Structure formats: C-alpha cells, structure tokens
Amino acid sequence: FYASPGVFIHQNRITKQQAEICVESILSLKEVKSGLKLKTTITDTNGKEVTSNITAVSEETVKQPLTITNPILWNGKENPYLYNVSVELYDGDKVIDKVTQKTGFRYFHADPEKGFFLNGKYLNLYGFCRHEDHPQFGCALPLSAIMQDLQLARDMGANSIRTSHYPNDELFLDLCDELGILVWEENHARGLSEEQMR
C-alpha cells in the first residue's frame, strides 16, 4: 500500500492516564471470504501483552480501536520507550500474514510564545537539517552511514532533526524513535501546483 506495510497507527488521544489509538490495516485481498479475522496486539518492551483487539474481516480496510491505561510515554532522549504493535491476519485458526511495528505514545504542542512542549513539559529543541545524501553512496545509504549521521547528532547534543526536503528512509526514522530524537518530517510537495497536491 503505497510502499508501506499497510498498517497505520493513529494516536487519537494521548495523556499520562490513557492512550486511545486506532490501528488501521489495509489488506490486499482478492476477495473477502468468511473466516478471516484480524488480531492486533500491543506488547511492552518485555513482550507482555498490554491490550488486543480481534475483528472479523468484512472489507479490505479494518479499523481497530485500542486503549492503554497508564501508558509509558515516549519522552525523547529521556525515555524513548516504544511499544510493539503486531497485526495478524487469520484464516480460521491459521495465521496467513503478520506485520509488526514499533510505536511510542506521546503528545506535544508548540506555543508561539513559550516554545515546544512534549508530554506537557517544555523541551528546548537542539538539532539540524539532514539531507539523505552521501558522497560515497548517494541517497542509498547503508545502515553504517545512517548510524554515523545519528552518532554525530548525538555527539553534538542534538535531540531533533528536520529531514530536508523530502521523506527519509524509514530505517532512519525508526532509529530516531529508538534513540529519542524528534523528527520534523517533510513530504516532497515542493514545486507542485495546488491542483497536483490534491
């Protein structure tokens, strides 16, 4: 689904007391038949189940609401806590497909007078813009080059990165999540007319 695994984790409302999310899965099915069900499970970093939802499949898009009580919030470099979200497609009792992703629950806002707040607490952002480009590899950076960029960022005390001027490799974004680095991700909308952006 547009070069993604087809699993989208929408964070509807996150507080220190509760995380309300919706996991939207886009299935590639030739036809919807009886006996198909989707099980979405959220586990903590130790693999312990936090919550789950089992839904019968009646169409190619399945939306599953889930709630986590007293979530451990992703809190940048202070605590980059990530949960595992596992989506399994069952045909009867047999798993026929599975996608697992990590996600961190957090809330934030930017105040024009007071600055950036993560989980209700002011956070001074230090960082820079990053082009996904390398003199040796072009834009096809291997893990070692990506990690070198991130190590340089950490050595300089950065806690945020702006991807300029296009989306970066998903691996880079996943590593930023794991290291507690906030990312201002851009999409490639430069030079498009208003009609093309619709």
Protein backbone atom coordinates (compact mmCIF):
# COMPACT_ATOMS: atom_id res chain seq x y z
CA PHE A 1 0.00 0.00 0.00
CA TYR A 2 1.94 2.97 -1.37
CA ALA A 3 5.24 1.24 -0.46
CA SER A 4 4.19 0.87 3.19
CA PRO A 5 3.23 -2.30 5.06
CA GLY A 6 -0.37 -1.06 5.07
CA VAL A 7 -0.62 -0.68 8.87
CA PHE A 8 -1.28 2.82 10.19
CA ILE A 9 -1.25 3.64 13.91
CA HIS A 10 -3.39 6.71 14.58
CA GLN A 11 -2.91 8.28 18.01
CA ASN A 12 -6.32 9.82 18.70
CA ARG A 13 -5.85 10.99 22.28
CA ILE A 14 -2.78 10.51 24.45
CA THR A 15 -2.46 11.55 28.09
CA LYS A 16 -0.42 10.29 31.03
CA GLN A 17 -3.50 8.35 32.15
CA GLN A 18 -4.64 6.83 28.86
CA ALA A 19 -3.63 6.25 25.24
CA GLU A 20 -6.51 5.98 22.79
CA ILE A 21 -5.36 4.78 19.39
CA CYS A 22 -6.81 3.26 16.24
CA VAL A 23 -4.87 0.75 14.15
CA GLU A 24 -5.96 0.94 10.53
CA SER A 25 -4.93 -2.02 8.35
CA ILE A 26 -5.28 -2.05 4.57
CA LEU A 27 -5.48 -5.65 3.38
CA SER A 28 -4.58 -6.93 -0.08
CA LEU A 29 -7.34 -9.44 -0.67
CA LYS A 30 -8.62 -10.82 -3.95
CA GLU A 31 -11.92 -11.36 -2.18
CA VAL A 32 -13.25 -11.16 1.34
CA LYS A 33 -14.31 -14.60 2.48
CA SER A 34 -15.81 -15.87 5.70
CA GLY A 35 -13.45 -16.96 8.46
CA LEU A 36 -10.95 -14.12 8.07
CA LYS A 37 -10.15 -12.12 11.18
CA LEU A 38 -7.56 -9.56 12.16
CA LYS A 39 -5.89 -9.66 15.57
CA THR A 40 -3.94 -6.61 16.69
CA THR A 41 -1.85 -6.97 19.84
CA ILE A 42 0.17 -4.32 21.67
CA THR A 43 3.01 -5.54 23.84
CA ASP A 44 5.51 -3.70 26.04
CA THR A 45 9.30 -3.87 25.62
CA ASN A 46 9.36 -7.15 27.56
CA GLY A 47 6.84 -8.77 25.21
CA LYS A 48 4.00 -8.67 27.74
CA GLU A 49 0.58 -8.09 26.19
CA VAL A 50 -0.93 -4.74 27.10
CA THR A 51 -4.11 -4.90 25.03
CA SER A 52 -5.53 -6.56 21.91
CA ASN A 53 -8.47 -6.45 19.52
CA ILE A 54 -9.85 -9.22 17.29
CA THR A 55 -12.09 -8.11 14.42
CA ALA A 56 -13.85 -10.12 11.73
CA VAL A 57 -12.77 -9.00 8.25
CA SER A 58 -15.68 -7.74 6.17
CA GLU A 59 -13.77 -5.43 3.82
CA GLU A 60 -10.21 -4.54 2.82
CA THR A 61 -9.86 -1.72 5.38
CA VAL A 62 -10.09 -2.70 9.04
CA LYS A 63 -10.02 -0.10 11.83
CA GLN A 64 -9.43 -1.35 15.36
CA PRO A 65 -9.70 0.98 18.37
CA LEU A 66 -7.44 0.16 21.33
CA THR A 67 -6.92 1.78 24.73
CA ILE A 68 -3.88 1.55 27.01
CA THR A 69 -4.24 2.62 30.64
CA ASN A 70 -1.30 4.46 32.23
CA PRO A 71 0.95 4.21 29.17
CA ILE A 72 4.69 4.71 29.44
CA LEU A 73 5.14 7.80 27.30
CA TRP A 74 7.84 8.19 24.65
CA ASN A 75 9.79 11.08 26.11
CA GLY A 76 12.63 11.88 23.73
CA LYS A 77 16.17 11.13 24.87
CA GLU A 78 15.00 10.97 28.50
CA ASN A 79 12.97 7.79 27.84
CA PRO A 80 12.45 6.69 24.20
CA TYR A 81 10.00 3.96 25.21
CA LEU A 82 8.46 2.00 22.33
CA TYR A 83 5.60 -0.48 22.27
CA ASN A 84 5.27 -3.30 19.71
CA VAL A 85 2.13 -3.37 17.57
CA SER A 86 1.56 -6.74 15.93
CA VAL A 87 -1.19 -7.23 13.32
CA GLU A 88 -2.01 -10.82 12.35
CA LEU A 89 -4.39 -11.95 9.61
CA TYR A 90 -6.08 -15.25 10.43
CA ASP A 91 -7.86 -17.63 8.10
CA GLY A 92 -9.74 -19.67 10.66
CA ASP A 93 -7.09 -20.60 13.24
CA LYS A 94 -4.11 -20.21 10.87
CA VAL A 95 -2.00 -17.02 10.69
CA ILE A 96 -1.54 -16.21 7.00
CA ASP A 97 0.16 -12.81 7.32
CA LYS A 98 1.75 -10.71 10.04
CA VAL A 99 3.17 -7.17 10.33
CA THR A 100 4.90 -5.85 13.46
CA GLN A 101 5.79 -2.21 14.02
CA LYS A 102 7.03 -0.16 16.95
CA THR A 103 5.35 2.99 18.20
CA GLY A 104 5.77 5.44 21.02
CA PHE A 105 2.84 7.19 22.67
CA ARG A 106 3.33 10.92 23.22
CA TYR A 107 1.55 14.24 22.96
CA PHE A 108 3.02 17.60 22.10
CA HIS A 109 2.21 21.18 21.19
CA ALA A 110 4.08 24.26 20.09
CA ASP A 111 3.30 27.63 21.64
CA PRO A 112 4.42 30.71 19.64
CA GLU A 113 5.41 32.48 22.87
CA LYS A 114 6.63 29.64 25.10
CA GLY A 115 8.09 27.08 22.65
CA PHE A 116 7.76 23.31 22.25
CA PHE A 117 6.16 21.02 24.82
CA LEU A 118 6.46 17.24 24.90
CA ASN A 119 4.04 15.38 27.17
CA GLY A 120 3.10 18.67 28.84
CA LYS A 121 6.70 19.64 29.68
CA TYR A 122 8.79 22.33 27.96
CA LEU A 123 11.57 20.92 25.79
CA ASN A 124 14.31 23.04 24.24
CA LEU A 125 14.99 21.64 20.77
CA TYR A 126 18.58 21.32 19.59
CA GLY A 127 19.25 19.94 16.14
CA PHE A 128 19.83 20.49 12.47
CA CYS A 129 18.55 19.70 8.98
CA ARG A 130 19.62 16.44 7.36
CA HIS A 131 19.78 15.63 3.67
CA GLU A 132 19.72 11.93 2.92
CA ASP A 133 22.79 12.12 0.74
CA HIS A 134 26.34 10.83 0.94
CA PRO A 135 29.40 11.38 -1.30
CA GLN A 136 30.06 7.63 -1.47
CA PHE A 137 26.52 6.17 -1.52
CA GLY A 138 24.30 8.92 -2.94
CA CYS A 139 20.82 8.58 -1.45
CA ALA A 140 21.12 4.79 -0.93
CA LEU A 141 22.76 4.98 2.50
CA PRO A 142 23.64 1.71 4.23
CA LEU A 143 22.98 1.25 7.93
CA SER A 144 26.58 2.18 8.81
CA ALA A 145 26.27 5.62 7.14
CA ILE A 146 22.89 6.26 8.76
CA MET A 147 24.29 5.34 12.17
CA GLN A 148 27.29 7.62 11.58
CA ASP A 149 24.89 10.54 10.98
CA LEU A 150 22.98 9.72 14.14
CA GLN A 151 26.13 9.33 16.20
CA LEU A 152 27.32 12.77 15.02
CA ALA A 153 23.93 14.20 16.02
CA ARG A 154 24.13 12.64 19.48
CA ASP A 155 27.75 13.74 19.97
CA MET A 156 26.65 17.33 19.28
CA GLY A 157 23.80 17.06 21.81
CA ALA A 158 21.01 17.13 19.22
CA ASN A 159 17.55 15.97 20.28
CA SER A 160 15.79 16.83 16.99
CA ILE A 161 16.34 16.55 13.24
CA ARG A 162 14.48 18.11 10.32
CA THR A 163 14.52 15.95 7.18
CA SER A 164 15.07 18.42 4.39
CA HIS A 165 13.38 18.48 1.94
CA TYR A 166 11.82 15.06 1.46
CA PRO A 167 10.95 11.96 3.50
CA ASN A 168 13.97 9.99 4.68
CA ASP A 169 14.47 6.24 4.77
CA GLU A 170 12.06 4.50 7.15
CA LEU A 171 15.04 2.85 8.84
CA PHE A 172 16.41 6.29 9.73
CA LEU A 173 13.05 7.28 11.26
CA ASP A 174 12.85 4.02 13.23
CA LEU A 175 16.35 4.57 14.63
CA CYS A 176 15.44 8.14 15.64
CA ASP A 177 12.45 6.72 17.54
CA GLU A 178 14.73 4.25 19.33
CA LEU A 179 17.31 6.93 20.21
CA GLY A 180 14.76 9.51 21.37
CA ILE A 181 15.36 12.01 18.57
CA LEU A 182 12.35 14.08 17.50
CA VAL A 183 11.93 14.31 13.72
CA TRP A 184 10.30 17.06 11.71
CA GLU A 185 9.49 15.00 8.61
CA GLU A 186 8.74 16.75 5.33
CA ASN A 187 6.91 15.37 2.35
CA HIS A 188 8.01 16.12 -1.17
CA ALA A 189 5.46 18.78 -2.12
CA ARG A 190 7.86 21.40 -3.49
CA GLY A 191 7.03 22.80 -6.90
CA LEU A 192 3.59 21.20 -7.10
CA SER A 193 0.57 23.24 -8.04
CA GLU A 194 -2.39 23.41 -5.67
CA GLU A 195 -4.28 21.07 -8.02
CA GLN A 196 -1.45 18.48 -8.00
CA MET A 197 -1.34 18.47 -4.19
CA ARG A 198 -4.99 17.47 -4.01
